[in-house]
Amino acid sequence: MGNKQLFLTTTNGTRALQKVENSTTVITADMVNRQATVRYLLGAQSAAIALVGSG
């Protein structure tokens, strides 16, 4: 992931989305769309990417 920062946290899905609702970009992912998610993240121009696990 190059020079990007990455962190992972786990919480309830609704609370997780509420915590990031003011972010510039929010995407959701699962095993079905994992390849598209990875392609998107590799092309993202963000200084930091946060992964919030829930479920």
N, C-alpha and C. Protein backbone atom coordinates (compact mmCIF):
# COMPACT_ATOMS: atom_id res chain seq x y z
N MET A 1 0.81 -1.18 0.00
CA MET A 1 0.00 0.00 0.00
C MET A 1 0.86 1.25 0.00
N GLY A 2 2.09 1.14 -0.39
CA GLY A 2 2.92 2.32 -0.55
C GLY A 2 3.17 3.06 0.75
N ASN A 3 3.04 4.36 0.70
CA ASN A 3 3.28 5.21 1.87
C ASN A 3 2.01 5.51 2.65
N LYS A 4 0.99 4.74 2.45
CA LYS A 4 -0.28 4.98 3.13
C LYS A 4 -0.26 4.39 4.54
N GLN A 5 -0.96 5.03 5.46
CA GLN A 5 -1.12 4.51 6.81
C GLN A 5 -2.36 3.64 6.84
N LEU A 6 -2.33 2.59 7.64
CA LEU A 6 -3.44 1.66 7.70
C LEU A 6 -3.67 1.26 9.15
N PHE A 7 -4.93 1.28 9.60
CA PHE A 7 -5.24 0.74 10.91
C PHE A 7 -6.56 0.01 10.84
N LEU A 8 -6.77 -0.89 11.76
CA LEU A 8 -7.95 -1.75 11.76
C LEU A 8 -8.59 -1.72 13.14
N THR A 9 -9.90 -1.57 13.18
CA THR A 9 -10.64 -1.62 14.43
C THR A 9 -11.92 -2.40 14.21
N THR A 10 -12.48 -2.95 15.26
CA THR A 10 -13.72 -3.73 15.14
C THR A 10 -14.80 -3.12 16.02
N THR A 11 -16.01 -2.99 15.49
CA THR A 11 -17.13 -2.46 16.24
C THR A 11 -18.42 -2.83 15.52
N ASN A 12 -19.54 -2.47 16.06
CA ASN A 12 -20.84 -2.70 15.43
C ASN A 12 -20.95 -1.88 14.15
N GLY A 13 -21.54 -2.45 13.09
CA GLY A 13 -21.62 -1.79 11.79
C GLY A 13 -22.26 -0.41 11.79
N THR A 14 -23.39 -0.25 12.46
CA THR A 14 -24.05 1.06 12.49
C THR A 14 -23.20 2.08 13.21
N ARG A 15 -22.68 1.73 14.36
CA ARG A 15 -21.81 2.65 15.10
C ARG A 15 -20.55 2.97 14.31
N ALA A 16 -20.02 1.99 13.62
CA ALA A 16 -18.81 2.21 12.82
C ALA A 16 -19.06 3.25 11.74
N LEU A 17 -20.16 3.12 11.01
CA LEU A 17 -20.47 4.09 9.96
C LEU A 17 -20.77 5.47 10.53
N GLN A 18 -21.38 5.53 11.70
CA GLN A 18 -21.65 6.83 12.32
C GLN A 18 -20.34 7.53 12.68
N LYS A 19 -19.35 6.78 13.08
CA LYS A 19 -18.06 7.37 13.47
C LYS A 19 -17.31 7.96 12.29
N VAL A 20 -17.56 7.46 11.09
CA VAL A 20 -16.83 7.94 9.92
C VAL A 20 -17.69 8.76 8.97
N GLU A 21 -18.90 9.11 9.40
CA GLU A 21 -19.84 9.78 8.51
C GLU A 21 -19.35 11.13 8.00
N ASN A 22 -18.42 11.76 8.68
CA ASN A 22 -17.90 13.06 8.24
C ASN A 22 -16.63 12.92 7.41
N SER A 23 -16.25 11.71 7.09
CA SER A 23 -15.06 11.48 6.26
C SER A 23 -15.33 11.93 4.83
N THR A 24 -14.27 12.28 4.13
CA THR A 24 -14.40 12.69 2.74
C THR A 24 -14.97 11.57 1.89
N THR A 25 -14.48 10.36 2.09
CA THR A 25 -14.92 9.19 1.33
C THR A 25 -15.14 8.03 2.28
N VAL A 26 -16.26 7.35 2.14
CA VAL A 26 -16.55 6.14 2.91
C VAL A 26 -16.99 5.07 1.92
N ILE A 27 -16.34 3.93 1.97
CA ILE A 27 -16.78 2.80 1.15
C ILE A 27 -17.04 1.62 2.06
N THR A 28 -17.92 0.74 1.64
CA THR A 28 -18.15 -0.50 2.39
C THR A 28 -17.70 -1.66 1.52
N ALA A 29 -17.27 -2.72 2.17
CA ALA A 29 -16.74 -3.85 1.42
C ALA A 29 -17.09 -5.15 2.13
N ASP A 30 -17.05 -6.22 1.36
CA ASP A 30 -17.22 -7.56 1.90
C ASP A 30 -16.43 -8.52 1.03
N MET A 31 -16.54 -9.77 1.30
CA MET A 31 -15.78 -10.76 0.53
C MET A 31 -16.19 -10.78 -0.94
N VAL A 32 -17.44 -10.47 -1.24
CA VAL A 32 -17.92 -10.51 -2.61
C VAL A 32 -17.23 -9.44 -3.47
N ASN A 33 -17.06 -8.24 -2.94
CA ASN A 33 -16.47 -7.16 -3.74
C ASN A 33 -15.04 -6.84 -3.33
N ARG A 34 -14.36 -7.78 -2.71
CA ARG A 34 -13.01 -7.52 -2.19
C ARG A 34 -12.00 -7.12 -3.27
N GLN A 35 -12.08 -7.72 -4.45
CA GLN A 35 -11.12 -7.36 -5.50
C GLN A 35 -11.32 -5.93 -5.98
N ALA A 36 -12.56 -5.52 -6.15
CA ALA A 36 -12.85 -4.14 -6.55
C ALA A 36 -12.41 -3.17 -5.46
N THR A 37 -12.60 -3.57 -4.22
CA THR A 37 -12.19 -2.72 -3.09
C THR A 37 -10.69 -2.53 -3.09
N VAL A 38 -9.94 -3.58 -3.27
CA VAL A 38 -8.48 -3.49 -3.30
C VAL A 38 -8.02 -2.61 -4.45
N ARG A 39 -8.60 -2.79 -5.63
CA ARG A 39 -8.24 -1.95 -6.78
C ARG A 39 -8.50 -0.47 -6.47
N TYR A 40 -9.65 -0.19 -5.86
CA TYR A 40 -9.99 1.20 -5.51
C TYR A 40 -8.97 1.76 -4.52
N LEU A 41 -8.66 1.00 -3.48
CA LEU A 41 -7.73 1.48 -2.46
C LEU A 41 -6.32 1.68 -3.01
N LEU A 42 -5.89 0.80 -3.90
CA LEU A 42 -4.56 0.97 -4.49
C LEU A 42 -4.48 2.23 -5.35
N GLY A 43 -5.59 2.64 -5.93
CA GLY A 43 -5.61 3.84 -6.75
C GLY A 43 -5.98 5.10 -5.98
N ALA A 44 -6.35 4.96 -4.72
CA ALA A 44 -6.78 6.11 -3.92
C ALA A 44 -5.60 7.05 -3.69
N GLN A 45 -5.88 8.34 -3.68
CA GLN A 45 -4.85 9.36 -3.46
C GLN A 45 -4.88 9.87 -2.02
N SER A 46 -5.30 9.04 -1.10
CA SER A 46 -5.41 9.44 0.30
C SER A 46 -4.09 9.24 1.03
N ALA A 47 -3.82 10.14 1.98
CA ALA A 47 -2.62 9.99 2.81
C ALA A 47 -2.81 8.87 3.84
N ALA A 48 -4.07 8.62 4.22
CA ALA A 48 -4.36 7.58 5.20
C ALA A 48 -5.64 6.86 4.80
N ILE A 49 -5.66 5.57 5.04
CA ILE A 49 -6.85 4.77 4.80
C ILE A 49 -7.15 4.00 6.08
N ALA A 50 -8.37 4.09 6.56
CA ALA A 50 -8.77 3.39 7.79
C ALA A 50 -9.71 2.24 7.42
N LEU A 51 -9.42 1.06 7.92
CA LEU A 51 -10.31 -0.08 7.75
C LEU A 51 -11.03 -0.30 9.07
N VAL A 52 -12.36 -0.29 9.02
CA VAL A 52 -13.17 -0.45 10.22
C VAL A 52 -13.93 -1.76 10.07
N GLY A 53 -13.53 -2.77 10.80
CA GLY A 53 -14.20 -4.07 10.71
C GLY A 53 -15.42 -4.11 11.62
N SER A 54 -16.48 -4.72 11.15
CA SER A 54 -17.68 -4.88 11.97
C SER A 54 -18.47 -6.07 11.46
N GLY A 55 -19.36 -6.55 12.31
CA GLY A 55 -20.21 -7.63 11.87
C GLY A 55 -20.09 -8.89 12.64
